[in-house]
Amino acid sequence: QVQLVESGGGLVQAGASLRLSCAASGRTFSSYAMGWFRQAPGKEREFVGGISWSGGSRLYADSVKGRFTISRDNAKNTVYLQMNSLKPEDTAVYYCAAGAGPWVIDGWSPAYWGQGTQVTVSS
């Protein structure tokens, strides 16, 4: 089992930056991939980005490429999502996720989920 707790959400203006954190506990953190998803009101949950067990491989949704960066600190059991140049359309609940294995691939389906943190970007 893996427990995930997100933090760092909030209300910001368009163009601002925000960093989300997700602390994991349970299984050995360096053994599994991590990622972020988001869900806007009235929309389905969508993949934002993912990072492999070592941090050596990352995937991003086209909508956030060049603006968002995912990273992890295996010594701190924490994954981060640095969000720059935020847009109103980035407004959503952001969920941290953990995989059953070490890699993130297209169509990745996590095994564990956090409870989510709200990010609101005003225009």
N, C-alpha and C. Protein backbone atom coordinates (compact mmCIF):
# COMPACT_ATOMS: atom_id res chain seq x y z
N GLN A 1 0.83 -1.19 0.00
CA GLN A 1 0.00 0.00 0.00
C GLN A 1 0.87 1.24 0.00
N VAL A 2 0.36 2.27 -0.65
CA VAL A 2 1.05 3.56 -0.69
C VAL A 2 0.04 4.64 -0.28
N GLN A 3 0.47 5.49 0.62
CA GLN A 3 -0.36 6.62 1.02
C GLN A 3 0.26 7.90 0.45
N LEU A 4 -0.59 8.76 -0.09
CA LEU A 4 -0.12 9.97 -0.76
C LEU A 4 -0.85 11.19 -0.19
N VAL A 5 -0.08 12.22 0.11
CA VAL A 5 -0.66 13.45 0.65
C VAL A 5 -0.12 14.64 -0.13
N GLU A 6 -1.03 15.34 -0.81
CA GLU A 6 -0.64 16.51 -1.61
C GLU A 6 -0.68 17.78 -0.77
N SER A 7 0.10 18.76 -1.20
CA SER A 7 0.06 20.09 -0.60
C SER A 7 0.53 21.11 -1.62
N GLY A 8 0.24 22.38 -1.35
CA GLY A 8 0.76 23.44 -2.20
C GLY A 8 -0.24 24.10 -3.12
N GLY A 9 -1.47 23.61 -3.13
CA GLY A 9 -2.47 24.24 -3.99
C GLY A 9 -2.86 25.61 -3.47
N GLY A 10 -3.62 26.35 -4.28
CA GLY A 10 -4.06 27.66 -3.87
C GLY A 10 -4.65 28.46 -5.01
N LEU A 11 -4.86 29.74 -4.74
CA LEU A 11 -5.41 30.67 -5.72
C LEU A 11 -4.30 31.61 -6.18
N VAL A 12 -4.10 31.67 -7.50
CA VAL A 12 -3.08 32.54 -8.06
C VAL A 12 -3.64 33.24 -9.29
N GLN A 13 -2.94 34.27 -9.71
CA GLN A 13 -3.33 34.97 -10.94
C GLN A 13 -2.67 34.32 -12.15
N ALA A 14 -3.26 34.53 -13.29
CA ALA A 14 -2.69 34.03 -14.53
C ALA A 14 -1.27 34.55 -14.70
N GLY A 15 -0.38 33.66 -15.15
CA GLY A 15 1.02 34.00 -15.32
C GLY A 15 1.89 33.68 -14.12
N ALA A 16 1.28 33.38 -13.00
CA ALA A 16 2.03 33.09 -11.79
C ALA A 16 2.54 31.64 -11.79
N SER A 17 3.30 31.34 -10.75
CA SER A 17 3.84 29.99 -10.58
C SER A 17 3.34 29.41 -9.27
N LEU A 18 3.34 28.09 -9.22
CA LEU A 18 2.93 27.36 -8.02
C LEU A 18 3.66 26.03 -8.02
N ARG A 19 4.01 25.55 -6.84
CA ARG A 19 4.64 24.23 -6.76
C ARG A 19 3.81 23.33 -5.85
N LEU A 20 3.43 22.19 -6.40
CA LEU A 20 2.72 21.19 -5.63
C LEU A 20 3.72 20.16 -5.12
N SER A 21 3.44 19.63 -3.94
CA SER A 21 4.25 18.56 -3.37
C SER A 21 3.35 17.39 -3.03
N CYS A 22 3.94 16.22 -3.05
CA CYS A 22 3.21 15.01 -2.68
C CYS A 22 4.14 14.12 -1.88
N ALA A 23 3.80 13.90 -0.63
CA ALA A 23 4.58 13.04 0.24
C ALA A 23 4.00 11.64 0.22
N ALA A 24 4.87 10.66 0.03
CA ALA A 24 4.43 9.27 -0.06
C ALA A 24 4.95 8.49 1.14
N SER A 25 4.18 7.49 1.52
CA SER A 25 4.59 6.57 2.58
C SER A 25 4.07 5.19 2.24
N GLY A 26 4.68 4.19 2.86
CA GLY A 26 4.27 2.81 2.58
C GLY A 26 5.41 2.05 1.93
N ARG A 27 5.24 1.70 0.68
CA ARG A 27 6.27 0.97 -0.05
C ARG A 27 7.52 1.82 -0.25
N THR A 28 8.62 1.16 -0.59
CA THR A 28 9.87 1.86 -0.88
C THR A 28 9.66 2.83 -2.04
N PHE A 29 9.84 4.13 -1.76
CA PHE A 29 9.47 5.18 -2.70
C PHE A 29 10.20 5.04 -4.03
N SER A 30 11.45 4.65 -3.98
CA SER A 30 12.26 4.60 -5.20
C SER A 30 11.93 3.40 -6.08
N SER A 31 10.94 2.62 -5.70
CA SER A 31 10.62 1.42 -6.49
C SER A 31 9.47 1.63 -7.47
N TYR A 32 8.82 2.80 -7.43
CA TYR A 32 7.66 2.99 -8.29
C TYR A 32 7.62 4.38 -8.91
N ALA A 33 6.92 4.44 -10.04
CA ALA A 33 6.73 5.71 -10.74
C ALA A 33 5.70 6.56 -10.01
N MET A 34 5.81 7.87 -10.26
CA MET A 34 4.88 8.82 -9.67
C MET A 34 4.34 9.74 -10.76
N GLY A 35 3.22 10.36 -10.48
CA GLY A 35 2.67 11.27 -11.47
C GLY A 35 1.62 12.19 -10.91
N TRP A 36 1.13 13.06 -11.79
CA TRP A 36 0.08 14.00 -11.43
C TRP A 36 -1.04 13.94 -12.48
N PHE A 37 -2.25 14.01 -11.99
CA PHE A 37 -3.44 14.13 -12.82
C PHE A 37 -4.22 15.36 -12.35
N ARG A 38 -5.18 15.78 -13.14
CA ARG A 38 -6.04 16.87 -12.71
C ARG A 38 -7.45 16.66 -13.24
N GLN A 39 -8.39 17.27 -12.52
CA GLN A 39 -9.79 17.19 -12.93
C GLN A 39 -10.44 18.54 -12.74
N ALA A 40 -10.87 19.12 -13.84
CA ALA A 40 -11.57 20.39 -13.82
C ALA A 40 -13.07 20.14 -13.66
N PRO A 41 -13.82 21.10 -13.18
CA PRO A 41 -15.26 20.92 -13.01
C PRO A 41 -15.94 20.50 -14.32
N GLY A 42 -16.71 19.45 -14.25
CA GLY A 42 -17.45 18.99 -15.41
C GLY A 42 -16.63 18.23 -16.43
N LYS A 43 -15.37 17.97 -16.11
CA LYS A 43 -14.50 17.27 -17.06
C LYS A 43 -13.95 15.99 -16.44
N GLU A 44 -13.44 15.13 -17.29
CA GLU A 44 -12.84 13.90 -16.81
C GLU A 44 -11.43 14.18 -16.28
N ARG A 45 -10.99 13.29 -15.40
CA ARG A 45 -9.63 13.40 -14.89
C ARG A 45 -8.66 13.16 -16.04
N GLU A 46 -7.60 13.98 -16.11
CA GLU A 46 -6.63 13.85 -17.19
C GLU A 46 -5.21 13.79 -16.65
N PHE A 47 -4.37 13.12 -17.41
CA PHE A 47 -2.95 12.98 -17.08
C PHE A 47 -2.26 14.32 -17.28
N VAL A 48 -1.41 14.68 -16.32
CA VAL A 48 -0.61 15.91 -16.42
C VAL A 48 0.85 15.56 -16.70
N GLY A 49 1.41 14.71 -15.87
CA GLY A 49 2.80 14.34 -16.05
C GLY A 49 3.16 13.16 -15.18
N GLY A 50 4.23 12.47 -15.55
CA GLY A 50 4.68 11.32 -14.78
C GLY A 50 6.20 11.22 -14.81
N ILE A 51 6.73 10.56 -13.81
CA ILE A 51 8.18 10.43 -13.68
C ILE A 51 8.52 9.02 -13.22
N SER A 52 9.55 8.46 -13.82
CA SER A 52 9.95 7.10 -13.49
C SER A 52 10.60 7.02 -12.11
N TRP A 53 10.88 5.83 -11.67
CA TRP A 53 11.38 5.60 -10.32
C TRP A 53 12.65 6.38 -10.00
N SER A 54 13.52 6.55 -10.99
CA SER A 54 14.79 7.22 -10.76
C SER A 54 14.74 8.70 -11.13
N GLY A 55 13.66 9.11 -11.79
CA GLY A 55 13.60 10.47 -12.30
C GLY A 55 14.19 10.62 -13.69
N GLY A 56 14.70 9.53 -14.24
CA GLY A 56 15.37 9.61 -15.53
C GLY A 56 14.44 9.68 -16.72
N SER A 57 13.20 9.35 -16.54
CA SER A 57 12.23 9.38 -17.63
C SER A 57 10.98 10.14 -17.19
N ARG A 58 10.52 11.06 -18.04
CA ARG A 58 9.34 11.86 -17.71
C ARG A 58 8.43 11.96 -18.93
N LEU A 59 7.15 12.03 -18.64
CA LEU A 59 6.15 12.24 -19.68
C LEU A 59 5.27 13.42 -19.26
N TYR A 60 4.82 14.19 -20.26
CA TYR A 60 3.94 15.31 -19.98
C TYR A 60 2.78 15.33 -20.96
N ALA A 61 1.66 15.85 -20.52
CA ALA A 61 0.57 16.13 -21.43
C ALA A 61 0.97 17.31 -22.31
N ASP A 62 0.49 17.32 -23.54
CA ASP A 62 0.84 18.40 -24.46
C ASP A 62 0.43 19.77 -23.91
N SER A 63 -0.65 19.79 -23.16
CA SER A 63 -1.18 21.05 -22.67
C SER A 63 -0.28 21.73 -21.64
N VAL A 64 0.66 20.98 -21.05
CA VAL A 64 1.51 21.56 -20.01
C VAL A 64 2.99 21.54 -20.37
N LYS A 65 3.34 20.94 -21.49
CA LYS A 65 4.75 20.87 -21.89
C LYS A 65 5.35 22.26 -21.99
N GLY A 66 6.54 22.40 -21.43
CA GLY A 66 7.21 23.68 -21.45
C GLY A 66 6.83 24.61 -20.32
N ARG A 67 5.75 24.29 -19.61
CA ARG A 67 5.30 25.12 -18.48
C ARG A 67 5.41 24.38 -17.15
N PHE A 68 5.14 23.10 -17.16
CA PHE A 68 5.15 22.31 -15.93
C PHE A 68 6.37 21.40 -15.92
N THR A 69 6.91 21.18 -14.73
CA THR A 69 8.03 20.26 -14.57
C THR A 69 7.77 19.37 -13.37
N ILE A 70 7.90 18.07 -13.59
CA ILE A 70 7.75 17.11 -12.51
C ILE A 70 9.13 16.64 -12.07
N SER A 71 9.31 16.50 -10.77
CA SER A 71 10.58 16.03 -10.24
C SER A 71 10.30 15.22 -8.99
N ARG A 72 11.32 14.50 -8.54
CA ARG A 72 11.15 13.71 -7.33
C ARG A 72 12.44 13.72 -6.52
N ASP A 73 12.28 13.58 -5.22
CA ASP A 73 13.41 13.47 -4.29
C ASP A 73 13.21 12.16 -3.54
N ASN A 74 13.93 11.15 -3.95
CA ASN A 74 13.73 9.83 -3.35
C ASN A 74 14.19 9.79 -1.89
N ALA A 75 15.08 10.68 -1.51
CA ALA A 75 15.53 10.74 -0.12
C ALA A 75 14.44 11.29 0.79
N LYS A 76 13.54 12.10 0.21
CA LYS A 76 12.46 12.71 0.98
C LYS A 76 11.10 12.07 0.71
N ASN A 77 11.08 11.05 -0.12
CA ASN A 77 9.82 10.38 -0.47
C ASN A 77 8.79 11.37 -0.99
N THR A 78 9.23 12.28 -1.83
CA THR A 78 8.36 13.36 -2.27
C THR A 78 8.50 13.57 -3.78
N VAL A 79 7.36 13.85 -4.41
CA VAL A 79 7.34 14.24 -5.81
C VAL A 79 6.77 15.65 -5.89
N TYR A 80 7.26 16.40 -6.87
CA TYR A 80 6.87 17.79 -7.01
C TYR A 80 6.30 18.05 -8.40
N LEU A 81 5.47 19.06 -8.48
CA LEU A 81 5.00 19.56 -9.76
C LEU A 81 5.17 21.08 -9.76
N GLN A 82 6.17 21.53 -10.49
CA GLN A 82 6.40 22.96 -10.62
C GLN A 82 5.58 23.48 -11.79
N MET A 83 4.70 24.42 -11.52
CA MET A 83 3.79 24.93 -12.55
C MET A 83 4.09 26.41 -12.78
N ASN A 84 4.53 26.72 -13.97
CA ASN A 84 4.85 28.10 -14.34
C ASN A 84 3.87 28.59 -15.41
N SER A 85 3.81 29.90 -15.57
CA SER A 85 2.94 30.50 -16.59
C SER A 85 1.54 29.94 -16.53
N LEU A 86 0.98 29.91 -15.36
CA LEU A 86 -0.34 29.30 -15.17
C LEU A 86 -1.41 30.06 -15.93
N LYS A 87 -2.38 29.30 -16.42
CA LYS A 87 -3.50 29.84 -17.19
C LYS A 87 -4.81 29.50 -16.48
N PRO A 88 -5.86 30.26 -16.73
CA PRO A 88 -7.15 29.93 -16.11
C PRO A 88 -7.60 28.50 -16.41
N GLU A 89 -7.24 27.99 -17.59
CA GLU A 89 -7.64 26.62 -17.94
C GLU A 89 -6.87 25.56 -17.17
N ASP A 90 -5.89 25.96 -16.39
CA ASP A 90 -5.19 25.02 -15.51
C ASP A 90 -5.95 24.82 -14.19
N THR A 91 -7.00 25.57 -13.99
CA THR A 91 -7.80 25.42 -12.78
C THR A 91 -8.40 24.03 -12.68
N ALA A 92 -8.12 23.36 -11.58
CA ALA A 92 -8.57 21.97 -11.40
C ALA A 92 -8.16 21.49 -10.01
N VAL A 93 -8.68 20.34 -9.66
CA VAL A 93 -8.14 19.61 -8.51
C VAL A 93 -7.00 18.74 -9.05
N TYR A 94 -5.85 18.87 -8.43
CA TYR A 94 -4.67 18.12 -8.86
C TYR A 94 -4.45 16.94 -7.92
N TYR A 95 -4.28 15.77 -8.54
CA TYR A 95 -4.12 14.53 -7.80
C TYR A 95 -2.73 13.95 -8.01
N CYS A 96 -2.11 13.58 -6.93
CA CYS A 96 -0.87 12.83 -6.97
C CYS A 96 -1.20 11.36 -7.15
N ALA A 97 -0.36 10.64 -7.89
CA ALA A 97 -0.62 9.23 -8.14
C ALA A 97 0.67 8.44 -8.11
N ALA A 98 0.56 7.19 -7.74
CA ALA A 98 1.70 6.29 -7.70
C ALA A 98 1.40 5.03 -8.49
N GLY A 99 2.42 4.57 -9.20
CA GLY A 99 2.23 3.37 -10.00
C GLY A 99 2.55 2.10 -9.23
N ALA A 100 2.16 0.98 -9.81
CA ALA A 100 2.51 -0.31 -9.23
C ALA A 100 3.93 -0.70 -9.58
N GLY A 101 4.46 -0.12 -10.65
CA GLY A 101 5.80 -0.43 -11.11
C GLY A 101 6.64 0.81 -11.30
N PRO A 102 7.84 0.67 -11.82
CA PRO A 102 8.80 1.77 -11.86
C PRO A 102 8.69 2.75 -13.03
N TRP A 103 7.88 2.42 -14.04
CA TRP A 103 7.89 3.21 -15.27
C TRP A 103 6.56 3.89 -15.54
N VAL A 104 6.62 5.01 -16.24
CA VAL A 104 5.44 5.70 -16.75
C VAL A 104 5.44 5.59 -18.26
N ILE A 105 4.34 5.12 -18.83
CA ILE A 105 4.23 5.00 -20.28
C ILE A 105 2.93 5.65 -20.72
N ASP A 106 2.75 5.81 -22.01
CA ASP A 106 1.50 6.35 -22.53
C ASP A 106 0.33 5.50 -22.05
N GLY A 107 -0.71 6.17 -21.56
CA GLY A 107 -1.86 5.44 -21.06
C GLY A 107 -1.66 4.89 -19.66
N TRP A 108 -0.69 5.44 -18.96
CA TRP A 108 -0.36 4.98 -17.60
C TRP A 108 -1.57 5.00 -16.70
N SER A 109 -1.76 3.92 -15.95
CA SER A 109 -2.88 3.79 -15.03
C SER A 109 -2.32 3.57 -13.63
N PRO A 110 -2.36 4.58 -12.77
CA PRO A 110 -1.79 4.45 -11.43
C PRO A 110 -2.54 3.45 -10.55
N ALA A 111 -1.83 3.01 -9.52
CA ALA A 111 -2.43 2.08 -8.58
C ALA A 111 -2.93 2.78 -7.32
N TYR A 112 -2.37 3.95 -7.04
CA TYR A 112 -2.70 4.66 -5.81
C TYR A 112 -2.92 6.14 -6.11
N TRP A 113 -3.82 6.73 -5.32
CA TRP A 113 -4.18 8.13 -5.53
C TRP A 113 -4.17 8.91 -4.22
N GLY A 114 -3.79 10.18 -4.32
CA GLY A 114 -3.97 11.08 -3.20
C GLY A 114 -5.38 11.65 -3.22
N GLN A 115 -5.66 12.51 -2.25
CA GLN A 115 -7.01 13.07 -2.13
C GLN A 115 -7.20 14.33 -2.96
N GLY A 116 -6.14 14.90 -3.44
CA GLY A 116 -6.24 16.05 -4.32
C GLY A 116 -6.05 17.38 -3.62
N THR A 117 -5.58 18.36 -4.40
CA THR A 117 -5.41 19.71 -3.89
C THR A 117 -5.91 20.68 -4.97
N GLN A 118 -6.65 21.69 -4.55
CA GLN A 118 -7.27 22.60 -5.49
C GLN A 118 -6.28 23.66 -5.97
N VAL A 119 -6.25 23.86 -7.29
CA VAL A 119 -5.49 24.95 -7.89
C VAL A 119 -6.47 25.81 -8.68
N THR A 120 -6.52 27.08 -8.35
CA THR A 120 -7.40 28.00 -9.04
C THR A 120 -6.57 29.14 -9.62
N VAL A 121 -6.73 29.37 -10.92
CA VAL A 121 -5.99 30.42 -11.60
C VAL A 121 -6.99 31.46 -12.09
N SER A 122 -6.87 32.67 -11.59
CA SER A 122 -7.79 33.73 -11.99
C SER A 122 -7.22 34.52 -13.16
N SER A 123 -8.12 35.04 -13.97
CA SER A 123 -7.68 35.78 -15.16
C SER A 123 -7.51 37.26 -14.87
